[in-house]
Amino acid sequence: MMHHPGKARARLVASLVAMAFLTVACGPSPEAVEKASFTLEETDVAVSLFSTACLETLPSFDRFEQVMAAQGLTLTANEDGKKLYKTEGAKPILALHGTEGPAIACGVGFLGPDDFAAVGQKFLTKAERQTGGAAKERFPSSYFQFAVQLRNGSVMSHEASRKGIRIHHIFFISTPVPRSEVASYIYN
């Protein structure tokens, strides 16, 4: 069956986001949410995992599973070309990898602070350092906190949202793609 590349990328990101949200669930009590949420300073742990799992396995994320095993993460979901790993401990971080049609993406998700801009800047700074410098281009989006094409051609996005008392952060990065394909990761 022939897949439309833009729709495949949109489905990939949407399904990885859904997997992350379903898995980063914790008890509904404010105490449980607070216990599972990272402070702004603690998000450096998630930035480090994003760097190791996604940035260091570019351009194709072909070593993602080996990195997850080396980091001791547990595979919690594996369906239709999408894999979700989870760290142990009171403050879980999810590491996600998936393919759909021609689209390949890697990401991390966690509960964190409501300072979306500061959290996003930590991840973007790390990605820019590891992919050749300042992002080539920013793309406006009402869905993502930011969406950029990095120097290496990868598309990176930050989704942050409040779900009840939980604040979810999910960062994705794609394999390098031409400028003509960037919009399909952001707008479809």
N, C-alpha and C. Protein backbone atom coordinates (compact mmCIF):
# COMPACT_ATOMS: atom_id res chain seq x y z
N MET A 1 0.85 -1.17 0.00
CA MET A 1 0.00 0.00 0.00
C MET A 1 0.89 1.24 0.00
N MET A 2 0.60 2.17 -0.87
CA MET A 2 1.40 3.39 -0.98
C MET A 2 0.95 4.40 0.08
N HIS A 3 1.89 4.94 0.82
CA HIS A 3 1.59 5.95 1.84
C HIS A 3 1.99 7.32 1.33
N HIS A 4 1.19 8.29 1.61
CA HIS A 4 1.56 9.67 1.32
C HIS A 4 2.58 10.09 2.37
N PRO A 5 3.78 10.53 1.99
CA PRO A 5 4.83 10.83 2.95
C PRO A 5 4.41 11.83 4.03
N GLY A 6 3.71 12.87 3.67
CA GLY A 6 3.29 13.87 4.65
C GLY A 6 2.36 13.28 5.68
N LYS A 7 1.42 12.48 5.24
CA LYS A 7 0.48 11.85 6.17
C LYS A 7 1.20 10.83 7.05
N ALA A 8 2.17 10.13 6.49
CA ALA A 8 2.93 9.16 7.28
C ALA A 8 3.68 9.87 8.40
N ARG A 9 4.30 11.01 8.10
CA ARG A 9 5.02 11.76 9.13
C ARG A 9 4.06 12.25 10.21
N ALA A 10 2.93 12.77 9.80
CA ALA A 10 1.94 13.27 10.76
C ALA A 10 1.42 12.12 11.63
N ARG A 11 1.13 10.97 11.02
CA ARG A 11 0.66 9.81 11.79
C ARG A 11 1.73 9.34 12.76
N LEU A 12 2.99 9.35 12.32
CA LEU A 12 4.08 8.91 13.19
C LEU A 12 4.15 9.79 14.42
N VAL A 13 4.20 11.09 14.23
CA VAL A 13 4.31 12.01 15.37
C VAL A 13 3.07 11.87 16.27
N ALA A 14 1.89 11.83 15.67
CA ALA A 14 0.66 11.72 16.47
C ALA A 14 0.62 10.43 17.27
N SER A 15 1.02 9.33 16.67
CA SER A 15 0.97 8.06 17.41
C SER A 15 2.03 7.99 18.50
N LEU A 16 3.21 8.56 18.25
CA LEU A 16 4.23 8.59 19.30
C LEU A 16 3.79 9.49 20.45
N VAL A 17 3.16 10.61 20.13
CA VAL A 17 2.64 11.50 21.18
C VAL A 17 1.59 10.77 22.01
N ALA A 18 0.68 10.08 21.34
CA ALA A 18 -0.37 9.35 22.06
C ALA A 18 0.23 8.29 22.96
N MET A 19 1.22 7.54 22.46
CA MET A 19 1.88 6.53 23.29
C MET A 19 2.52 7.17 24.51
N ALA A 20 3.16 8.29 24.31
CA ALA A 20 3.84 8.96 25.41
C ALA A 20 2.84 9.43 26.46
N PHE A 21 1.76 10.07 26.02
CA PHE A 21 0.76 10.57 26.97
C PHE A 21 0.12 9.44 27.76
N LEU A 22 -0.16 8.34 27.10
CA LEU A 22 -0.78 7.22 27.80
C LEU A 22 0.17 6.61 28.83
N THR A 23 1.45 6.61 28.53
CA THR A 23 2.41 5.98 29.42
C THR A 23 2.90 6.90 30.52
N VAL A 24 2.92 8.22 30.30
CA VAL A 24 3.37 9.14 31.34
C VAL A 24 2.17 9.48 32.22
N ALA A 25 1.38 8.50 32.48
CA ALA A 25 0.25 8.72 33.38
C ALA A 25 0.69 8.32 34.78
N CYS A 26 0.21 9.04 35.74
CA CYS A 26 0.48 8.68 37.12
C CYS A 26 -0.80 8.95 37.88
N GLY A 27 -0.81 8.61 39.13
CA GLY A 27 -2.00 8.81 39.93
C GLY A 27 -2.51 10.24 39.83
N PRO A 28 -3.82 10.42 39.97
CA PRO A 28 -4.39 11.75 39.78
C PRO A 28 -4.15 12.72 40.94
N SER A 29 -3.58 12.24 42.02
CA SER A 29 -3.40 13.14 43.17
C SER A 29 -2.29 14.14 42.90
N PRO A 30 -2.43 15.36 43.40
CA PRO A 30 -1.37 16.36 43.22
C PRO A 30 -0.03 15.88 43.76
N GLU A 31 -0.04 15.13 44.84
CA GLU A 31 1.21 14.62 45.42
C GLU A 31 1.91 13.67 44.46
N ALA A 32 1.14 12.77 43.84
CA ALA A 32 1.72 11.81 42.89
C ALA A 32 2.28 12.52 41.67
N VAL A 33 1.55 13.51 41.18
CA VAL A 33 2.01 14.25 40.01
C VAL A 33 3.27 15.03 40.35
N GLU A 34 3.29 15.69 41.50
CA GLU A 34 4.47 16.46 41.90
C GLU A 34 5.68 15.55 42.05
N LYS A 35 5.47 14.38 42.62
CA LYS A 35 6.55 13.42 42.83
C LYS A 35 7.13 12.92 41.49
N ALA A 36 6.28 12.80 40.47
CA ALA A 36 6.71 12.27 39.17
C ALA A 36 7.20 13.36 38.22
N SER A 37 7.05 14.63 38.59
CA SER A 37 7.40 15.74 37.70
C SER A 37 8.80 16.27 37.97
N PHE A 38 9.49 16.61 36.89
CA PHE A 38 10.82 17.21 36.98
C PHE A 38 10.72 18.70 37.24
N THR A 39 11.62 19.23 38.04
CA THR A 39 11.76 20.67 38.18
C THR A 39 12.55 21.15 36.96
N LEU A 40 12.63 22.45 36.76
CA LEU A 40 13.40 22.99 35.64
C LEU A 40 14.85 22.51 35.70
N GLU A 41 15.46 22.54 36.88
CA GLU A 41 16.84 22.09 37.01
C GLU A 41 16.97 20.60 36.70
N GLU A 42 16.00 19.82 37.13
CA GLU A 42 16.07 18.36 36.92
C GLU A 42 15.85 17.97 35.46
N THR A 43 15.32 18.86 34.64
CA THR A 43 15.11 18.50 33.23
C THR A 43 16.42 18.22 32.51
N ASP A 44 17.55 18.59 33.11
CA ASP A 44 18.85 18.24 32.52
C ASP A 44 18.99 16.73 32.34
N VAL A 45 18.36 15.95 33.21
CA VAL A 45 18.39 14.49 33.09
C VAL A 45 17.68 14.07 31.80
N ALA A 46 16.54 14.68 31.51
CA ALA A 46 15.81 14.38 30.27
C ALA A 46 16.57 14.86 29.05
N VAL A 47 17.21 16.03 29.15
CA VAL A 47 18.03 16.55 28.05
C VAL A 47 19.16 15.56 27.75
N SER A 48 19.77 15.04 28.79
CA SER A 48 20.86 14.08 28.61
C SER A 48 20.38 12.81 27.91
N LEU A 49 19.20 12.31 28.29
CA LEU A 49 18.67 11.11 27.64
C LEU A 49 18.33 11.41 26.18
N PHE A 50 17.76 12.58 25.90
CA PHE A 50 17.46 12.98 24.52
C PHE A 50 18.75 13.02 23.71
N SER A 51 19.80 13.56 24.29
CA SER A 51 21.08 13.64 23.61
C SER A 51 21.61 12.24 23.29
N THR A 52 21.62 11.37 24.30
CA THR A 52 22.16 10.02 24.13
C THR A 52 21.30 9.18 23.19
N ALA A 53 19.99 9.20 23.39
CA ALA A 53 19.09 8.33 22.63
C ALA A 53 18.86 8.81 21.20
N CYS A 54 18.73 10.11 21.04
CA CYS A 54 18.33 10.65 19.73
C CYS A 54 19.45 11.36 18.99
N LEU A 55 20.04 12.37 19.62
CA LEU A 55 21.04 13.17 18.93
C LEU A 55 22.29 12.37 18.58
N GLU A 56 22.73 11.52 19.52
CA GLU A 56 23.95 10.75 19.27
C GLU A 56 23.72 9.56 18.35
N THR A 57 22.46 9.24 18.03
CA THR A 57 22.18 8.12 17.12
C THR A 57 21.75 8.60 15.74
N LEU A 58 21.78 9.94 15.53
CA LEU A 58 21.53 10.47 14.19
C LEU A 58 22.64 10.02 13.25
N PRO A 59 22.44 9.90 11.96
CA PRO A 59 21.32 10.43 11.21
C PRO A 59 20.13 9.49 11.08
N SER A 60 20.25 8.21 11.46
CA SER A 60 19.16 7.27 11.20
C SER A 60 18.57 6.64 12.46
N PHE A 61 19.11 6.97 13.63
CA PHE A 61 18.69 6.38 14.92
C PHE A 61 18.90 4.87 14.94
N ASP A 62 19.82 4.36 14.12
CA ASP A 62 20.01 2.92 14.01
C ASP A 62 20.57 2.28 15.27
N ARG A 63 21.16 3.06 16.16
CA ARG A 63 21.69 2.51 17.41
C ARG A 63 20.77 2.77 18.61
N PHE A 64 19.55 3.26 18.35
CA PHE A 64 18.63 3.62 19.42
C PHE A 64 18.40 2.47 20.40
N GLU A 65 18.08 1.30 19.90
CA GLU A 65 17.79 0.16 20.79
C GLU A 65 19.01 -0.26 21.60
N GLN A 66 20.19 -0.22 21.00
CA GLN A 66 21.41 -0.54 21.73
C GLN A 66 21.63 0.47 22.86
N VAL A 67 21.38 1.74 22.58
CA VAL A 67 21.54 2.78 23.60
C VAL A 67 20.54 2.55 24.74
N MET A 68 19.31 2.20 24.39
CA MET A 68 18.30 1.95 25.43
C MET A 68 18.73 0.80 26.34
N ALA A 69 19.26 -0.25 25.74
CA ALA A 69 19.73 -1.39 26.53
C ALA A 69 20.90 -0.97 27.43
N ALA A 70 21.83 -0.22 26.87
CA ALA A 70 22.99 0.23 27.65
C ALA A 70 22.58 1.16 28.79
N GLN A 71 21.52 1.95 28.58
CA GLN A 71 21.03 2.88 29.60
C GLN A 71 20.13 2.18 30.63
N GLY A 72 19.76 0.92 30.37
CA GLY A 72 18.93 0.17 31.30
C GLY A 72 17.45 0.52 31.26
N LEU A 73 16.98 1.08 30.13
CA LEU A 73 15.57 1.42 30.02
C LEU A 73 14.74 0.18 29.69
N THR A 74 13.49 0.19 30.10
CA THR A 74 12.59 -0.93 29.91
C THR A 74 11.67 -0.67 28.72
N LEU A 75 11.57 -1.64 27.82
CA LEU A 75 10.65 -1.54 26.70
C LEU A 75 9.23 -1.68 27.25
N THR A 76 8.39 -0.67 27.06
CA THR A 76 7.03 -0.71 27.61
C THR A 76 5.96 -0.82 26.52
N ALA A 77 6.29 -0.50 25.29
CA ALA A 77 5.35 -0.65 24.18
C ALA A 77 6.13 -0.87 22.90
N ASN A 78 5.60 -1.73 22.05
CA ASN A 78 6.23 -2.04 20.78
C ASN A 78 5.12 -2.42 19.81
N GLU A 79 4.68 -1.46 19.01
CA GLU A 79 3.61 -1.75 18.07
C GLU A 79 3.75 -0.96 16.79
N ASP A 80 3.53 -1.63 15.70
CA ASP A 80 3.51 -1.00 14.38
C ASP A 80 4.73 -0.12 14.09
N GLY A 81 5.91 -0.60 14.40
CA GLY A 81 7.12 0.15 14.09
C GLY A 81 7.44 1.25 15.08
N LYS A 82 6.73 1.29 16.20
CA LYS A 82 6.95 2.32 17.21
C LYS A 82 7.32 1.64 18.53
N LYS A 83 8.38 2.14 19.14
CA LYS A 83 8.85 1.56 20.40
C LYS A 83 8.93 2.65 21.46
N LEU A 84 8.55 2.27 22.66
CA LEU A 84 8.55 3.19 23.78
C LEU A 84 9.31 2.54 24.93
N TYR A 85 10.32 3.22 25.42
CA TYR A 85 11.11 2.77 26.55
C TYR A 85 10.89 3.71 27.72
N LYS A 86 11.10 3.21 28.93
CA LYS A 86 10.85 4.03 30.12
C LYS A 86 11.98 3.83 31.12
N THR A 87 12.39 4.94 31.72
CA THR A 87 13.40 4.86 32.79
C THR A 87 12.71 4.37 34.06
N GLU A 88 13.48 3.85 34.96
CA GLU A 88 12.96 3.42 36.26
C GLU A 88 13.00 4.61 37.21
N GLY A 89 12.30 4.51 38.30
CA GLY A 89 12.37 5.55 39.31
C GLY A 89 11.08 6.34 39.44
N ALA A 90 11.09 7.24 40.40
CA ALA A 90 9.90 8.02 40.73
C ALA A 90 9.56 9.04 39.65
N LYS A 91 10.55 9.47 38.87
CA LYS A 91 10.33 10.46 37.82
C LYS A 91 10.69 9.84 36.48
N PRO A 92 9.72 9.15 35.88
CA PRO A 92 10.04 8.45 34.63
C PRO A 92 10.22 9.39 33.45
N ILE A 93 11.09 8.97 32.56
CA ILE A 93 11.28 9.63 31.26
C ILE A 93 11.00 8.55 30.22
N LEU A 94 10.30 8.93 29.19
CA LEU A 94 10.04 8.00 28.10
C LEU A 94 10.96 8.33 26.94
N ALA A 95 11.47 7.30 26.31
CA ALA A 95 12.25 7.46 25.09
C ALA A 95 11.47 6.75 24.00
N LEU A 96 11.24 7.44 22.89
CA LEU A 96 10.39 6.93 21.83
C LEU A 96 11.13 6.89 20.51
N HIS A 97 10.83 5.88 19.73
CA HIS A 97 11.41 5.76 18.39
C HIS A 97 10.36 5.13 17.51
N GLY A 98 10.21 5.65 16.32
CA GLY A 98 9.22 5.05 15.45
C GLY A 98 9.45 5.34 13.99
N THR A 99 8.85 4.47 13.18
CA THR A 99 8.85 4.66 11.73
C THR A 99 7.43 4.47 11.23
N GLU A 100 7.11 5.22 10.22
CA GLU A 100 5.84 5.05 9.51
C GLU A 100 6.09 5.53 8.10
N GLY A 101 5.98 4.59 7.17
CA GLY A 101 6.31 4.92 5.79
C GLY A 101 7.74 5.44 5.76
N PRO A 102 7.97 6.58 5.12
CA PRO A 102 9.33 7.11 5.03
C PRO A 102 9.76 7.90 6.27
N ALA A 103 8.84 8.13 7.19
CA ALA A 103 9.13 8.98 8.34
C ALA A 103 9.79 8.18 9.46
N ILE A 104 10.84 8.78 10.04
CA ILE A 104 11.53 8.18 11.19
C ILE A 104 11.75 9.30 12.20
N ALA A 105 11.39 9.03 13.46
CA ALA A 105 11.55 10.05 14.50
C ALA A 105 11.98 9.40 15.80
N CYS A 106 12.56 10.23 16.65
CA CYS A 106 13.03 9.82 17.96
C CYS A 106 12.62 10.92 18.93
N GLY A 107 12.37 10.58 20.18
CA GLY A 107 11.99 11.62 21.11
C GLY A 107 12.01 11.17 22.55
N VAL A 108 11.74 12.12 23.43
CA VAL A 108 11.58 11.84 24.86
C VAL A 108 10.35 12.58 25.37
N GLY A 109 9.76 12.02 26.42
CA GLY A 109 8.61 12.64 27.05
C GLY A 109 8.72 12.51 28.56
N PHE A 110 8.20 13.50 29.27
CA PHE A 110 8.27 13.49 30.73
C PHE A 110 7.29 14.51 31.28
N LEU A 111 7.02 14.40 32.57
CA LEU A 111 6.23 15.41 33.27
C LEU A 111 7.20 16.44 33.81
N GLY A 112 6.85 17.72 33.66
CA GLY A 112 7.79 18.75 34.08
C GLY A 112 7.14 20.05 34.46
N PRO A 113 7.96 21.09 34.53
CA PRO A 113 7.48 22.40 34.98
C PRO A 113 6.68 23.12 33.91
N ASP A 114 5.97 24.17 34.33
CA ASP A 114 5.16 24.92 33.38
C ASP A 114 5.92 26.05 32.69
N ASP A 115 7.21 26.12 32.87
CA ASP A 115 8.02 27.11 32.16
C ASP A 115 8.42 26.50 30.81
N PHE A 116 7.45 26.49 29.89
CA PHE A 116 7.64 25.83 28.60
C PHE A 116 8.85 26.37 27.84
N ALA A 117 9.01 27.69 27.85
CA ALA A 117 10.11 28.31 27.09
C ALA A 117 11.47 27.89 27.64
N ALA A 118 11.63 27.89 28.95
CA ALA A 118 12.93 27.52 29.54
C ALA A 118 13.26 26.06 29.31
N VAL A 119 12.27 25.19 29.44
CA VAL A 119 12.50 23.76 29.20
C VAL A 119 12.87 23.56 27.73
N GLY A 120 12.10 24.18 26.84
CA GLY A 120 12.37 24.04 25.41
C GLY A 120 13.74 24.54 25.02
N GLN A 121 14.16 25.64 25.63
CA GLN A 121 15.47 26.20 25.29
C GLN A 121 16.60 25.26 25.68
N LYS A 122 16.46 24.56 26.80
CA LYS A 122 17.50 23.59 27.20
C LYS A 122 17.67 22.51 26.13
N PHE A 123 16.56 21.99 25.64
CA PHE A 123 16.63 20.93 24.62
C PHE A 123 17.15 21.48 23.30
N LEU A 124 16.64 22.65 22.90
CA LEU A 124 17.06 23.22 21.63
C LEU A 124 18.54 23.57 21.64
N THR A 125 19.03 24.12 22.72
CA THR A 125 20.45 24.45 22.83
C THR A 125 21.31 23.20 22.67
N LYS A 126 20.92 22.12 23.34
CA LYS A 126 21.67 20.86 23.23
C LYS A 126 21.64 20.34 21.79
N ALA A 127 20.47 20.38 21.16
CA ALA A 127 20.35 19.89 19.79
C ALA A 127 21.17 20.73 18.82
N GLU A 128 21.13 22.05 18.99
CA GLU A 128 21.91 22.92 18.10
C GLU A 128 23.40 22.65 18.26
N ARG A 129 23.85 22.44 19.48
CA ARG A 129 25.28 22.16 19.70
C ARG A 129 25.70 20.86 19.03
N GLN A 130 24.81 19.88 19.02
CA GLN A 130 25.18 18.57 18.49
C GLN A 130 24.87 18.39 17.01
N THR A 131 24.23 19.38 16.38
CA THR A 131 23.89 19.22 14.96
C THR A 131 24.45 20.33 14.08
N GLY A 132 25.40 21.08 14.59
CA GLY A 132 26.09 22.03 13.72
C GLY A 132 25.80 23.49 13.90
N GLY A 133 25.10 23.89 14.93
CA GLY A 133 24.87 25.31 15.17
C GLY A 133 23.41 25.69 15.20
N ALA A 134 23.17 26.99 15.18
CA ALA A 134 21.80 27.51 15.28
C ALA A 134 20.88 26.90 14.23
N ALA A 135 19.63 26.72 14.61
CA ALA A 135 18.64 26.15 13.70
C ALA A 135 18.60 26.94 12.40
N LYS A 136 18.41 26.22 11.28
CA LYS A 136 18.31 26.86 9.97
C LYS A 136 17.08 27.75 9.90
N GLU A 137 15.97 27.23 10.41
CA GLU A 137 14.71 27.96 10.25
C GLU A 137 13.72 27.54 11.33
N ARG A 138 12.95 28.51 11.81
CA ARG A 138 11.85 28.26 12.76
C ARG A 138 10.55 28.28 11.97
N PHE A 139 9.62 27.45 12.38
CA PHE A 139 8.33 27.37 11.71
C PHE A 139 7.22 27.69 12.71
N PRO A 140 6.33 28.61 12.36
CA PRO A 140 5.23 28.92 13.27
C PRO A 140 4.30 27.72 13.43
N SER A 141 3.80 27.53 14.63
CA SER A 141 2.88 26.42 14.88
C SER A 141 2.02 26.76 16.09
N SER A 142 0.74 26.50 15.96
CA SER A 142 -0.15 26.69 17.11
C SER A 142 -0.18 25.43 17.97
N TYR A 143 0.40 24.35 17.49
CA TYR A 143 0.40 23.07 18.21
C TYR A 143 1.67 22.88 19.04
N PHE A 144 2.81 23.21 18.44
CA PHE A 144 4.10 23.01 19.11
C PHE A 144 4.57 24.30 19.77
N GLN A 145 5.31 24.17 20.86
CA GLN A 145 5.96 25.33 21.48
C GLN A 145 6.99 25.90 20.51
N PHE A 146 7.70 25.00 19.84
CA PHE A 146 8.56 25.41 18.74
C PHE A 146 8.71 24.25 17.79
N ALA A 147 9.00 24.59 16.55
CA ALA A 147 9.31 23.61 15.51
C ALA A 147 10.38 24.24 14.65
N VAL A 148 11.49 23.53 14.48
CA VAL A 148 12.62 24.07 13.73
C VAL A 148 13.21 23.02 12.81
N GLN A 149 13.93 23.50 11.81
CA GLN A 149 14.79 22.60 11.05
C GLN A 149 16.21 22.93 11.49
N LEU A 150 16.89 21.91 11.99
CA LEU A 150 18.25 22.08 12.48
C LEU A 150 19.25 22.10 11.32
N ARG A 151 20.47 22.49 11.60
CA ARG A 151 21.53 22.59 10.57
C ARG A 151 21.74 21.28 9.82
N ASN A 152 21.57 20.15 10.50
CA ASN A 152 21.79 18.86 9.84
C ASN A 152 20.60 18.44 8.98
N GLY A 153 19.50 19.20 9.01
CA GLY A 153 18.31 18.88 8.23
C GLY A 153 17.19 18.24 9.04
N SER A 154 17.47 17.84 10.27
CA SER A 154 16.43 17.23 11.10
C SER A 154 15.38 18.25 11.51
N VAL A 155 14.16 17.79 11.64
CA VAL A 155 13.07 18.61 12.16
C VAL A 155 12.97 18.31 13.65
N MET A 156 12.90 19.34 14.48
CA MET A 156 12.78 19.16 15.92
C MET A 156 11.58 19.95 16.40
N SER A 157 10.82 19.33 17.31
CA SER A 157 9.64 20.02 17.84
C SER A 157 9.52 19.78 19.34
N HIS A 158 8.80 20.69 19.99
CA HIS A 158 8.52 20.61 21.43
C HIS A 158 7.02 20.76 21.61
N GLU A 159 6.40 19.72 22.10
CA GLU A 159 5.00 19.79 22.46
C GLU A 159 4.93 19.87 23.97
N ALA A 160 4.22 20.83 24.49
CA ALA A 160 4.02 20.97 25.92
C ALA A 160 2.56 21.29 26.16
N SER A 161 1.97 20.55 27.09
CA SER A 161 0.56 20.79 27.35
C SER A 161 0.21 20.41 28.77
N ARG A 162 -0.84 21.01 29.24
CA ARG A 162 -1.35 20.71 30.57
C ARG A 162 -2.52 19.75 30.40
N LYS A 163 -2.45 18.62 31.07
CA LYS A 163 -3.53 17.63 31.07
C LYS A 163 -3.98 17.49 32.51
N GLY A 164 -5.03 18.20 32.87
CA GLY A 164 -5.44 18.24 34.27
C GLY A 164 -4.36 18.92 35.08
N ILE A 165 -3.82 18.22 36.06
CA ILE A 165 -2.75 18.78 36.89
C ILE A 165 -1.36 18.39 36.40
N ARG A 166 -1.30 17.58 35.33
CA ARG A 166 -0.01 17.15 34.78
C ARG A 166 0.43 18.08 33.65
N ILE A 167 1.73 18.32 33.58
CA ILE A 167 2.29 19.10 32.47
C ILE A 167 3.23 18.19 31.71
N HIS A 168 2.84 17.88 30.48
CA HIS A 168 3.59 16.96 29.62
C HIS A 168 4.53 17.76 28.72
N HIS A 169 5.74 17.25 28.57
CA HIS A 169 6.71 17.78 27.60
C HIS A 169 7.12 16.62 26.72
N ILE A 170 7.05 16.81 25.41
CA ILE A 170 7.52 15.80 24.47
C ILE A 170 8.36 16.50 23.42
N PHE A 171 9.57 16.00 23.23
CA PHE A 171 10.50 16.53 22.23
C PHE A 171 10.74 15.46 21.18
N PHE A 172 10.62 15.85 19.91
CA PHE A 172 10.87 14.93 18.80
C PHE A 172 11.93 15.50 17.90
N ILE A 173 12.66 14.59 17.26
CA ILE A 173 13.59 14.96 16.20
C ILE A 173 13.48 13.91 15.12
N SER A 174 13.51 14.37 13.88
CA SER A 174 13.42 13.46 12.74
C SER A 174 14.81 13.16 12.19
N THR A 175 14.86 12.22 11.29
CA THR A 175 16.07 12.04 10.51
C THR A 175 16.19 13.28 9.62
N PRO A 176 17.38 13.59 9.12
CA PRO A 176 17.51 14.75 8.23
C PRO A 176 16.59 14.62 7.00
N VAL A 177 15.91 15.72 6.68
CA VAL A 177 14.99 15.75 5.53
C VAL A 177 15.22 17.04 4.75
N PRO A 178 14.86 17.05 3.47
CA PRO A 178 14.98 18.29 2.71
C PRO A 178 13.95 19.32 3.21
N ARG A 179 14.23 20.57 2.97
CA ARG A 179 13.35 21.67 3.39
C ARG A 179 11.92 21.45 2.90
N SER A 180 11.76 20.87 1.72
CA SER A 180 10.44 20.66 1.13
C SER A 180 9.57 19.69 1.94
N GLU A 181 10.18 18.89 2.82
CA GLU A 181 9.41 17.92 3.62
C GLU A 181 9.16 18.38 5.05
N VAL A 182 9.74 19.48 5.45
CA VAL A 182 9.63 19.94 6.84
C VAL A 182 8.18 20.17 7.25
N ALA A 183 7.42 20.82 6.42
CA ALA A 183 6.04 21.17 6.77
C ALA A 183 5.21 19.94 7.11
N SER A 184 5.50 18.82 6.46
CA SER A 184 4.69 17.62 6.72
C SER A 184 4.89 17.08 8.13
N TYR A 185 5.98 17.42 8.78
CA TYR A 185 6.19 17.01 10.18
C TYR A 185 5.46 17.94 11.14
N ILE A 186 5.21 19.16 10.70
CA ILE A 186 4.69 20.18 11.59
C ILE A 186 3.20 20.42 11.41
N TYR A 187 2.74 20.46 10.17
CA TYR A 187 1.39 20.96 9.92
C TYR A 187 0.35 19.89 9.59
N ASN A 188 0.74 18.70 9.23
CA ASN A 188 -0.28 17.69 8.87
C ASN A 188 -0.88 17.12 10.12
